[in-house]
Amino acid sequence: MSILVNRDTRVLVHGLTGRYAGLQAAMMKQYGTRLVAGVAPGRGGETLLEIPLYDSVREALMNQAVDAAIIYVPAPLVLETFYEISEQGIGTIFIATEGVPVHDTLKIRRLAEVNGLWVIGPNSLGIITPSETLLGSMDATHCRPGSLGLISRSGTLSILVMSVLHKAGFGFSTAISIGGDFISGRSQADYLKRFERDPQTRQVVMLAEIGGSMEYQAAEQIRRMSKPVICYLVGRQAPRGKTMGHSGAIIRENRETAAEKEKALSAAGATVVQTPWEIPALLAPS
């Protein structure tokens, strides 16, 4: 069982004709994702990768049933594109684009909260339900079905840890890259709530990092969870005031350091590890 998408999820790709989007779409189709429509203004009536193209989301929905959408447009166009998609009632929206203006993401997050939408990203590798569906570029080669939920702020770190766990024999219910920009559409705590309610998920690995306050919200949720949570947090040697990798990973005050976040997570009942290679020994068989 997936917490958000499954083999029946019908997906629209906005910006499908871009080079990166096309490469991602080909990989998703090969995995089995149901890509039913692409939006590319001026290209309506054409097809790409056997996916029909439309000039607008509204036109696409007049011809196709859609459950989720992926945004692959440049950062300055993401907010407008989000409005176009959300106005058509699509409930799950994945934003792959990096560097979306902070005020735009705040508007996206607020609108999503008001209308009950689920936004993955921005600056996300996506989400995978093993053997069912893939949105984005999560590493399908290291992801078999199982009972482990994975939440990661860093896309690169998620690939590393998925590889470590795959080699150790573990499978996943759902693995998610929630996005590395300063503001995310949903917090770690939101995903933890979903995993807590998911009957397939028996344990959760959360990959965290310096910067922001999401880990403190996650700690409050972990206190209320019946399922074990293992946390790995990167950035112990990061200097204050310097962005490390992506816009959300920056220490501006003491509570944003790795050490302080580790204390909060540990106090909430999470098991905190110092390296990814410690994780497999702490997990129950998947």
C-alpha atoms as a PDB file:
ATOM      1  CA  MET A   1       0.000   0.000   0.000  1.00  0.00           C
ATOM      2  CA  SER A   2       1.247   3.502  -0.790  1.00  0.00           C
ATOM      3  CA  ILE A   3       0.726   6.606   1.275  1.00  0.00           C
ATOM      4  CA  LEU A   4       0.128   8.817  -1.807  1.00  0.00           C
ATOM      5  CA  VAL A   5       0.423   7.135  -5.234  1.00  0.00           C
ATOM      6  CA  ASN A   6       0.031   3.615  -6.613  1.00  0.00           C
ATOM      7  CA  ARG A   7      -0.191   1.667  -9.878  1.00  0.00           C
ATOM      8  CA  ASP A   8      -3.611   3.157 -10.615  1.00  0.00           C
ATOM      9  CA  THR A   9      -2.489   6.793 -10.270  1.00  0.00           C
ATOM     10  CA  ARG A  10      -2.957   8.686 -13.548  1.00  0.00           C
ATOM     11  CA  VAL A  11      -0.313  11.365 -13.975  1.00  0.00           C
ATOM     12  CA  LEU A  12      -0.111  14.626 -15.938  1.00  0.00           C
ATOM     13  CA  VAL A  13       3.300  16.160 -16.695  1.00  0.00           C
ATOM     14  CA  HIS A  14       3.409  19.963 -17.073  1.00  0.00           C
ATOM     15  CA  GLY A  15       6.440  21.005 -19.128  1.00  0.00           C
ATOM     16  CA  LEU A  16       6.848  17.567 -20.717  1.00  0.00           C
ATOM     17  CA  THR A  17       8.664  18.890 -23.799  1.00  0.00           C
ATOM     18  CA  GLY A  18      11.663  20.112 -21.794  1.00  0.00           C
ATOM     19  CA  ARG A  19      14.825  18.013 -22.103  1.00  0.00           C
ATOM     20  CA  TYR A  20      15.011  17.029 -18.428  1.00  0.00           C
ATOM     21  CA  ALA A  21      11.281  16.342 -18.225  1.00  0.00           C
ATOM     22  CA  GLY A  22      11.460  14.140 -21.315  1.00  0.00           C
ATOM     23  CA  LEU A  23      14.268  12.052 -19.856  1.00  0.00           C
ATOM     24  CA  GLN A  24      12.376  11.661 -16.587  1.00  0.00           C
ATOM     25  CA  ALA A  25       9.139  10.780 -18.357  1.00  0.00           C
ATOM     26  CA  ALA A  26      10.848   8.043 -20.374  1.00  0.00           C
ATOM     27  CA  MET A  27      12.191   6.525 -17.162  1.00  0.00           C
ATOM     28  CA  MET A  28       8.795   6.750 -15.459  1.00  0.00           C
ATOM     29  CA  LYS A  29       7.024   5.101 -18.390  1.00  0.00           C
ATOM     30  CA  GLN A  30       9.570   2.297 -18.394  1.00  0.00           C
ATOM     31  CA  TYR A  31       8.851   1.716 -14.702  1.00  0.00           C
ATOM     32  CA  GLY A  32       5.126   1.497 -15.380  1.00  0.00           C
ATOM     33  CA  THR A  33       3.868   4.898 -14.282  1.00  0.00           C
ATOM     34  CA  ARG A  34       0.584   5.831 -15.958  1.00  0.00           C
ATOM     35  CA  LEU A  35       1.529   9.064 -17.739  1.00  0.00           C
ATOM     36  CA  VAL A  36      -1.751   9.994 -19.388  1.00  0.00           C
ATOM     37  CA  ALA A  37      -1.156  13.615 -20.464  1.00  0.00           C
ATOM     38  CA  GLY A  38       1.457  16.284 -21.005  1.00  0.00           C
ATOM     39  CA  VAL A  39       0.932  20.041 -21.042  1.00  0.00           C
ATOM     40  CA  ALA A  40       3.009  22.182 -23.423  1.00  0.00           C
ATOM     41  CA  PRO A  41       1.384  25.408 -24.674  1.00  0.00           C
ATOM     42  CA  GLY A  42       1.513  25.561 -28.460  1.00  0.00           C
ATOM     43  CA  ARG A  43       2.080  21.812 -28.828  1.00  0.00           C
ATOM     44  CA  GLY A  44      -1.470  20.630 -28.253  1.00  0.00           C
ATOM     45  CA  GLY A  45      -2.498  17.798 -30.536  1.00  0.00           C
ATOM     46  CA  GLU A  46       0.993  16.311 -30.721  1.00  0.00           C
ATOM     47  CA  THR A  47       2.353  13.318 -28.821  1.00  0.00           C
ATOM     48  CA  LEU A  48       5.665  12.740 -27.059  1.00  0.00           C
ATOM     49  CA  LEU A  49       6.711   9.288 -25.843  1.00  0.00           C
ATOM     50  CA  GLU A  50       3.195   8.226 -26.920  1.00  0.00           C
ATOM     51  CA  ILE A  51       1.804  10.681 -24.348  1.00  0.00           C
ATOM     52  CA  PRO A  52      -0.808  13.112 -25.754  1.00  0.00           C
ATOM     53  CA  LEU A  53       0.074  16.795 -25.420  1.00  0.00           C
ATOM     54  CA  TYR A  54      -2.379  19.565 -24.582  1.00  0.00           C
ATOM     55  CA  ASP A  55      -2.152  23.358 -24.515  1.00  0.00           C
ATOM     56  CA  SER A  56      -3.545  23.644 -20.974  1.00  0.00           C
ATOM     57  CA  VAL A  57      -4.393  21.584 -17.925  1.00  0.00           C
ATOM     58  CA  ARG A  58      -8.087  22.289 -18.459  1.00  0.00           C
ATOM     59  CA  GLU A  59      -7.910  20.890 -21.994  1.00  0.00           C
ATOM     60  CA  ALA A  60      -6.032  17.836 -20.744  1.00  0.00           C
ATOM     61  CA  LEU A  61      -8.713  17.108 -18.149  1.00  0.00           C
ATOM     62  CA  MET A  62     -11.430  17.378 -20.794  1.00  0.00           C
ATOM     63  CA  ASN A  63      -9.806  14.367 -22.445  1.00  0.00           C
ATOM     64  CA  GLN A  64      -8.081  12.450 -19.626  1.00  0.00           C
ATOM     65  CA  ALA A  65      -8.793  11.500 -16.019  1.00  0.00           C
ATOM     66  CA  VAL A  66      -5.880  12.701 -13.851  1.00  0.00           C
ATOM     67  CA  ASP A  67      -5.037  11.968 -10.210  1.00  0.00           C
ATOM     68  CA  ALA A  68      -1.596  13.598  -9.838  1.00  0.00           C
ATOM     69  CA  ALA A  69       0.558  16.151 -11.640  1.00  0.00           C
ATOM     70  CA  ILE A  70       4.273  16.784 -12.029  1.00  0.00           C
ATOM     71  CA  ILE A  71       5.703  20.279 -12.584  1.00  0.00           C
ATOM     72  CA  TYR A  72       8.902  20.577 -14.652  1.00  0.00           C
ATOM     73  CA  VAL A  73       8.764  24.271 -15.598  1.00  0.00           C
ATOM     74  CA  PRO A  74      11.413  26.957 -14.793  1.00  0.00           C
ATOM     75  CA  ALA A  75      11.310  28.358 -11.257  1.00  0.00           C
ATOM     76  CA  PRO A  76       9.690  31.740 -12.141  1.00  0.00           C
ATOM     77  CA  LEU A  77       6.752  29.897 -13.747  1.00  0.00           C
ATOM     78  CA  VAL A  78       6.081  27.369 -10.978  1.00  0.00           C
ATOM     79  CA  LEU A  79       3.531  29.442  -9.025  1.00  0.00           C
ATOM     80  CA  GLU A  80       1.428  30.197 -12.113  1.00  0.00           C
ATOM     81  CA  THR A  81       1.611  26.538 -13.143  1.00  0.00           C
ATOM     82  CA  PHE A  82       0.584  25.432  -9.658  1.00  0.00           C
ATOM     83  CA  TYR A  83      -2.452  27.727  -9.810  1.00  0.00           C
ATOM     84  CA  GLU A  84      -3.433  26.238 -13.167  1.00  0.00           C
ATOM     85  CA  ILE A  85      -3.193  22.669 -11.828  1.00  0.00           C
ATOM     86  CA  SER A  86      -4.764  23.245  -8.415  1.00  0.00           C
ATOM     87  CA  GLU A  87      -7.744  25.084  -9.902  1.00  0.00           C
ATOM     88  CA  GLN A  88      -8.634  21.891 -11.760  1.00  0.00           C
ATOM     89  CA  GLY A  89      -8.861  19.889  -8.537  1.00  0.00           C
ATOM     90  CA  ILE A  90      -5.783  17.664  -8.915  1.00  0.00           C
ATOM     91  CA  GLY A  91      -4.974  16.655  -5.344  1.00  0.00           C
ATOM     92  CA  THR A  92      -1.348  15.471  -5.506  1.00  0.00           C
ATOM     93  CA  ILE A  93       1.247  17.761  -7.093  1.00  0.00           C
ATOM     94  CA  PHE A  94       4.962  17.013  -7.350  1.00  0.00           C
ATOM     95  CA  ILE A  95       7.282  19.986  -8.040  1.00  0.00           C
ATOM     96  CA  ALA A  96      10.670  18.908  -9.360  1.00  0.00           C
ATOM     97  CA  THR A  97      11.926  22.446 -10.016  1.00  0.00           C
ATOM     98  CA  GLU A  98      14.736  23.802  -7.832  1.00  0.00           C
ATOM     99  CA  GLY A  99      15.079  27.376  -6.587  1.00  0.00           C
ATOM    100  CA  VAL A 100      11.412  28.384  -6.553  1.00  0.00           C
ATOM    101  CA  PRO A 101      11.151  31.884  -4.992  1.00  0.00           C
ATOM    102  CA  VAL A 102      10.436  31.571  -1.271  1.00  0.00           C
ATOM    103  CA  HIS A 103       7.367  33.793  -1.351  1.00  0.00           C
ATOM    104  CA  ASP A 104       5.968  31.732  -4.221  1.00  0.00           C
ATOM    105  CA  THR A 105       6.439  28.517  -2.248  1.00  0.00           C
ATOM    106  CA  LEU A 106       4.760  30.084   0.780  1.00  0.00           C
ATOM    107  CA  LYS A 107       1.739  30.888  -1.401  1.00  0.00           C
ATOM    108  CA  ILE A 108       1.749  27.344  -2.792  1.00  0.00           C
ATOM    109  CA  ARG A 109       1.928  25.826   0.673  1.00  0.00           C
ATOM    110  CA  ARG A 110      -0.847  28.015   2.045  1.00  0.00           C
ATOM    111  CA  LEU A 111      -3.155  27.323  -0.890  1.00  0.00           C
ATOM    112  CA  ALA A 112      -2.462  23.600  -0.588  1.00  0.00           C
ATOM    113  CA  GLU A 113      -3.329  23.659   3.130  1.00  0.00           C
ATOM    114  CA  VAL A 114      -6.577  25.542   2.526  1.00  0.00           C
ATOM    115  CA  ASN A 115      -7.691  23.246  -0.296  1.00  0.00           C
ATOM    116  CA  GLY A 116      -6.419  19.954   1.125  1.00  0.00           C
ATOM    117  CA  LEU A 117      -3.810  19.372  -1.589  1.00  0.00           C
ATOM    118  CA  TRP A 118      -0.583  17.413  -1.146  1.00  0.00           C
ATOM    119  CA  VAL A 119       2.536  19.093  -2.562  1.00  0.00           C
ATOM    120  CA  ILE A 120       5.797  17.141  -2.862  1.00  0.00           C
ATOM    121  CA  GLY A 121       8.776  19.486  -3.290  1.00  0.00           C
ATOM    122  CA  PRO A 122       9.896  21.896  -4.636  1.00  0.00           C
ATOM    123  CA  ASN A 123      13.411  20.669  -5.479  1.00  0.00           C
ATOM    124  CA  SER A 124      12.446  17.034  -5.041  1.00  0.00           C
ATOM    125  CA  LEU A 125      13.535  13.801  -6.714  1.00  0.00           C
ATOM    126  CA  GLY A 126       9.987  12.546  -6.251  1.00  0.00           C
ATOM    127  CA  ILE A 127       8.262   9.511  -4.809  1.00  0.00           C
ATOM    128  CA  ILE A 128       8.306   5.790  -5.521  1.00  0.00           C
ATOM    129  CA  THR A 129       5.961   2.976  -4.577  1.00  0.00           C
ATOM    130  CA  PRO A 130       8.062  -0.083  -5.458  1.00  0.00           C
ATOM    131  CA  SER A 131       6.757  -2.267  -8.299  1.00  0.00           C
ATOM    132  CA  GLU A 132       3.809   0.103  -8.706  1.00  0.00           C
ATOM    133  CA  THR A 133       4.653   3.648  -9.729  1.00  0.00           C
ATOM    134  CA  LEU A 134       7.421   6.239  -9.869  1.00  0.00           C
ATOM    135  CA  LEU A 135       7.021  10.018  -9.999  1.00  0.00           C
ATOM    136  CA  GLY A 136      10.333  11.733 -10.674  1.00  0.00           C
ATOM    137  CA  SER A 137      13.755  10.119 -10.447  1.00  0.00           C
ATOM    138  CA  MET A 138      13.937   8.174  -7.186  1.00  0.00           C
ATOM    139  CA  ASP A 139      16.346   5.256  -7.608  1.00  0.00           C
ATOM    140  CA  ALA A 140      14.164   2.363  -8.744  1.00  0.00           C
ATOM    141  CA  THR A 141      17.132  -0.007  -9.068  1.00  0.00           C
ATOM    142  CA  HIS A 142      17.565  -0.019  -5.279  1.00  0.00           C
ATOM    143  CA  CYS A 143      13.920  -0.167  -4.262  1.00  0.00           C
ATOM    144  CA  ARG A 144      11.992  -3.414  -3.794  1.00  0.00           C
ATOM    145  CA  PRO A 145       8.573  -3.723  -2.076  1.00  0.00           C
ATOM    146  CA  GLY A 146       8.649  -4.007   1.703  1.00  0.00           C
ATOM    147  CA  SER A 147       7.511  -2.448   4.965  1.00  0.00           C
ATOM    148  CA  LEU A 148       9.994   0.412   5.370  1.00  0.00           C
ATOM    149  CA  GLY A 149       8.980   4.046   4.859  1.00  0.00           C
ATOM    150  CA  LEU A 150      11.667   6.547   3.818  1.00  0.00           C
ATOM    151  CA  ILE A 151      11.514  10.341   4.174  1.00  0.00           C
ATOM    152  CA  SER A 152      14.431  12.480   2.988  1.00  0.00           C
ATOM    153  CA  ARG A 153      15.086  16.196   2.572  1.00  0.00           C
ATOM    154  CA  SER A 154      18.080  15.428   0.349  1.00  0.00           C
ATOM    155  CA  GLY A 155      17.572  13.607  -2.925  1.00  0.00           C
ATOM    156  CA  THR A 156      21.202  12.495  -3.161  1.00  0.00           C
ATOM    157  CA  LEU A 157      21.188  11.182   0.406  1.00  0.00           C
ATOM    158  CA  SER A 158      17.990   9.256  -0.265  1.00  0.00           C
ATOM    159  CA  ILE A 159      19.683   7.418  -3.143  1.00  0.00           C
ATOM    160  CA  LEU A 160      22.672   6.527  -0.961  1.00  0.00           C
ATOM    161  CA  VAL A 161      20.573   5.219   1.918  1.00  0.00           C
ATOM    162  CA  MET A 162      18.201   3.334  -0.374  1.00  0.00           C
ATOM    163  CA  SER A 163      21.242   1.569  -1.843  1.00  0.00           C
ATOM    164  CA  VAL A 164      22.575   0.679   1.612  1.00  0.00           C
ATOM    165  CA  LEU A 165      19.210  -0.686   2.741  1.00  0.00           C
ATOM    166  CA  HIS A 166      18.557  -2.525  -0.520  1.00  0.00           C
ATOM    167  CA  LYS A 167      21.889  -4.327  -0.271  1.00  0.00           C
ATOM    168  CA  ALA A 168      20.999  -5.270   3.311  1.00  0.00           C
ATOM    169  CA  GLY A 169      17.785  -6.904   2.087  1.00  0.00           C
ATOM    170  CA  PHE A 170      15.188  -4.282   3.038  1.00  0.00           C
ATOM    171  CA  GLY A 171      12.205  -3.232   0.967  1.00  0.00           C
ATOM    172  CA  PHE A 172      10.062  -0.097   0.996  1.00  0.00           C
ATOM    173  CA  SER A 173       6.376   0.715   1.226  1.00  0.00           C
ATOM    174  CA  THR A 174       7.040   4.235  -0.083  1.00  0.00           C
ATOM    175  CA  ALA A 175      10.213   6.323  -0.435  1.00  0.00           C
ATOM    176  CA  ILE A 176       9.956  10.101  -0.745  1.00  0.00           C
ATOM    177  CA  SER A 177      12.275  13.006  -1.411  1.00  0.00           C
ATOM    178  CA  ILE A 178      10.316  15.852   0.184  1.00  0.00           C
ATOM    179  CA  GLY A 179      12.457  18.635  -1.323  1.00  0.00           C
ATOM    180  CA  GLY A 180      15.521  20.623  -0.394  1.00  0.00           C
ATOM    181  CA  ASP A 181      14.405  24.214  -0.889  1.00  0.00           C
ATOM    182  CA  PHE A 182      14.004  26.532   2.108  1.00  0.00           C
ATOM    183  CA  ILE A 183      10.233  25.916   2.191  1.00  0.00           C
ATOM    184  CA  SER A 184       8.635  22.546   1.375  1.00  0.00           C
ATOM    185  CA  GLY A 185       5.060  21.831   0.372  1.00  0.00           C
ATOM    186  CA  ARG A 186       4.720  19.378   3.248  1.00  0.00           C
ATOM    187  CA  SER A 187       6.814  18.818   6.360  1.00  0.00           C
ATOM    188  CA  GLN A 188       8.458  15.655   7.636  1.00  0.00           C
ATOM    189  CA  ALA A 189       5.764  15.530  10.327  1.00  0.00           C
ATOM    190  CA  ASP A 190       3.044  15.402   7.666  1.00  0.00           C
ATOM    191  CA  TYR A 191       4.685  12.385   6.022  1.00  0.00           C
ATOM    192  CA  LEU A 192       5.236  10.700   9.385  1.00  0.00           C
ATOM    193  CA  LYS A 193       1.492  10.945  10.060  1.00  0.00           C
ATOM    194  CA  ARG A 194       0.800   9.227   6.736  1.00  0.00           C
ATOM    195  CA  PHE A 195       3.254   6.438   7.467  1.00  0.00           C
ATOM    196  CA  GLU A 196       1.803   5.974  10.948  1.00  0.00           C
ATOM    197  CA  ARG A 197      -1.628   5.318   9.385  1.00  0.00           C
ATOM    198  CA  ASP A 198      -0.312   3.073   6.596  1.00  0.00           C
ATOM    199  CA  PRO A 199      -0.828  -0.629   7.437  1.00  0.00           C
ATOM    200  CA  GLN A 200       2.030  -1.780   5.188  1.00  0.00           C
ATOM    201  CA  THR A 201       4.644   0.461   6.828  1.00  0.00           C
ATOM    202  CA  ARG A 202       6.138  -1.063   9.986  1.00  0.00           C
ATOM    203  CA  GLN A 203       9.094   1.301  10.536  1.00  0.00           C
ATOM    204  CA  VAL A 204      10.372   4.606   9.168  1.00  0.00           C
ATOM    205  CA  VAL A 205      13.789   6.022   8.280  1.00  0.00           C
ATOM    206  CA  MET A 206      13.992   9.824   8.233  1.00  0.00           C
ATOM    207  CA  LEU A 207      16.979  11.550   6.626  1.00  0.00           C
ATOM    208  CA  ALA A 208      17.290  15.043   8.039  1.00  0.00           C
ATOM    209  CA  GLU A 209      19.746  17.929   7.885  1.00  0.00           C
ATOM    210  CA  ILE A 210      20.738  21.318   9.227  1.00  0.00           C
ATOM    211  CA  GLY A 211      18.653  24.447   8.691  1.00  0.00           C
ATOM    212  CA  GLY A 212      15.034  25.285   9.387  1.00  0.00           C
ATOM    213  CA  SER A 213      12.741  23.882  12.057  1.00  0.00           C
ATOM    214  CA  MET A 214      11.058  20.897  10.381  1.00  0.00           C
ATOM    215  CA  GLU A 215      12.920  18.385  12.505  1.00  0.00           C
ATOM    216  CA  TYR A 216      11.412  19.876  15.660  1.00  0.00           C
ATOM    217  CA  GLN A 217       7.912  19.437  14.218  1.00  0.00           C
ATOM    218  CA  ALA A 218       8.886  15.885  13.279  1.00  0.00           C
ATOM    219  CA  ALA A 219      10.057  15.252  16.850  1.00  0.00           C
ATOM    220  CA  GLU A 220       6.628  16.194  18.193  1.00  0.00           C
ATOM    221  CA  GLN A 221       5.006  13.733  15.798  1.00  0.00           C
ATOM    222  CA  ILE A 222       7.496  10.985  16.667  1.00  0.00           C
ATOM    223  CA  ARG A 223       6.417  11.277  20.320  1.00  0.00           C
ATOM    224  CA  ARG A 224       2.925  10.187  19.234  1.00  0.00           C
ATOM    225  CA  MET A 225       3.945   7.351  16.919  1.00  0.00           C
ATOM    226  CA  SER A 226       3.628   3.647  17.583  1.00  0.00           C
ATOM    227  CA  LYS A 227       6.100   2.759  14.815  1.00  0.00           C
ATOM    228  CA  PRO A 228       9.873   3.049  15.328  1.00  0.00           C
ATOM    229  CA  VAL A 229      11.678   5.904  13.587  1.00  0.00           C
ATOM    230  CA  ILE A 230      15.412   5.937  12.812  1.00  0.00           C
ATOM    231  CA  CYS A 231      16.974   9.310  11.990  1.00  0.00           C
ATOM    232  CA  TYR A 232      20.205  10.207  10.254  1.00  0.00           C
ATOM    233  CA  LEU A 233      21.100  13.893  10.214  1.00  0.00           C
ATOM    234  CA  VAL A 234      23.826  15.418   8.032  1.00  0.00           C
ATOM    235  CA  GLY A 235      25.739  18.667   8.449  1.00  0.00           C
ATOM    236  CA  ARG A 236      27.620  18.203  11.731  1.00  0.00           C
ATOM    237  CA  GLN A 237      30.661  20.067  10.424  1.00  0.00           C
ATOM    238  CA  ALA A 238      28.776  22.757   8.511  1.00  0.00           C
ATOM    239  CA  PRO A 239      29.856  26.359   9.224  1.00  0.00           C
ATOM    240  CA  ARG A 240      27.235  28.808  10.413  1.00  0.00           C
ATOM    241  CA  GLY A 241      25.728  31.069   7.737  1.00  0.00           C
ATOM    242  CA  LYS A 242      26.874  29.068   4.710  1.00  0.00           C
ATOM    243  CA  THR A 243      24.405  27.266   2.440  1.00  0.00           C
ATOM    244  CA  MET A 244      25.372  23.613   2.143  1.00  0.00           C
ATOM    245  CA  GLY A 245      24.142  22.023  -1.072  1.00  0.00           C
ATOM    246  CA  HIS A 246      20.671  23.528  -1.362  1.00  0.00           C
ATOM    247  CA  SER A 247      18.850  26.550  -0.018  1.00  0.00           C
ATOM    248  CA  GLY A 248      17.293  24.864   3.018  1.00  0.00           C
ATOM    249  CA  ALA A 249      20.608  23.624   4.449  1.00  0.00           C
ATOM    250  CA  ILE A 250      21.952  26.672   6.274  1.00  0.00           C
ATOM    251  CA  ILE A 251      22.576  27.328   9.974  1.00  0.00           C
ATOM    252  CA  ARG A 252      21.399  30.765  11.092  1.00  0.00           C
ATOM    253  CA  GLU A 253      20.864  30.044  14.783  1.00  0.00           C
ATOM    254  CA  ASN A 254      21.939  27.399  17.257  1.00  0.00           C
ATOM    255  CA  ARG A 255      18.715  25.374  17.125  1.00  0.00           C
ATOM    256  CA  GLU A 256      19.321  24.755  13.407  1.00  0.00           C
ATOM    257  CA  THR A 257      22.548  22.836  14.047  1.00  0.00           C
ATOM    258  CA  ALA A 258      22.822  19.067  13.672  1.00  0.00           C
ATOM    259  CA  ALA A 259      23.661  18.596  17.343  1.00  0.00           C
ATOM    260  CA  GLU A 260      20.569  20.410  18.627  1.00  0.00           C
ATOM    261  CA  LYS A 261      18.259  18.635  16.220  1.00  0.00           C
ATOM    262  CA  GLU A 262      19.723  15.257  17.134  1.00  0.00           C
ATOM    263  CA  LYS A 263      19.015  16.004  20.801  1.00  0.00           C
ATOM    264  CA  ALA A 264      15.383  16.854  20.050  1.00  0.00           C
ATOM    265  CA  LEU A 265      14.815  13.782  17.892  1.00  0.00           C
ATOM    266  CA  SER A 266      16.456  11.464  20.409  1.00  0.00           C
ATOM    267  CA  ALA A 267      14.442  12.944  23.268  1.00  0.00           C
ATOM    268  CA  ALA A 268      11.258  12.336  21.268  1.00  0.00           C
ATOM    269  CA  GLY A 269      12.025   8.632  20.996  1.00  0.00           C
ATOM    270  CA  ALA A 270      13.748   8.372  17.623  1.00  0.00           C
ATOM    271  CA  THR A 271      16.906   6.319  17.250  1.00  0.00           C
ATOM    272  CA  VAL A 272      19.616   8.662  15.936  1.00  0.00           C
ATOM    273  CA  VAL A 273      22.538   7.189  14.017  1.00  0.00           C
ATOM    274  CA  GLN A 274      25.875   8.714  13.017  1.00  0.00           C
ATOM    275  CA  THR A 275      26.269   6.993   9.632  1.00  0.00           C
ATOM    276  CA  PRO A 276      23.862   5.380   7.109  1.00  0.00           C
ATOM    277  CA  TRP A 277      25.628   2.040   7.525  1.00  0.00           C
ATOM    278  CA  GLU A 278      24.359   1.754  11.112  1.00  0.00           C
ATOM    279  CA  ILE A 279      20.719   1.728   9.999  1.00  0.00           C
ATOM    280  CA  PRO A 280      20.252  -1.877   8.761  1.00  0.00           C
ATOM    281  CA  ALA A 281      21.275  -3.428  12.100  1.00  0.00           C
ATOM    282  CA  LEU A 282      18.602  -1.395  13.897  1.00  0.00           C
ATOM    283  CA  LEU A 283      15.716  -2.393  11.635  1.00  0.00           C
ATOM    284  CA  ALA A 284      13.371  -5.334  12.055  1.00  0.00           C
ATOM    285  CA  PRO A 285      13.306  -7.693   9.037  1.00  0.00           C
ATOM    286  CA  SER A 286      11.390  -6.068   6.197  1.00  0.00           C
END
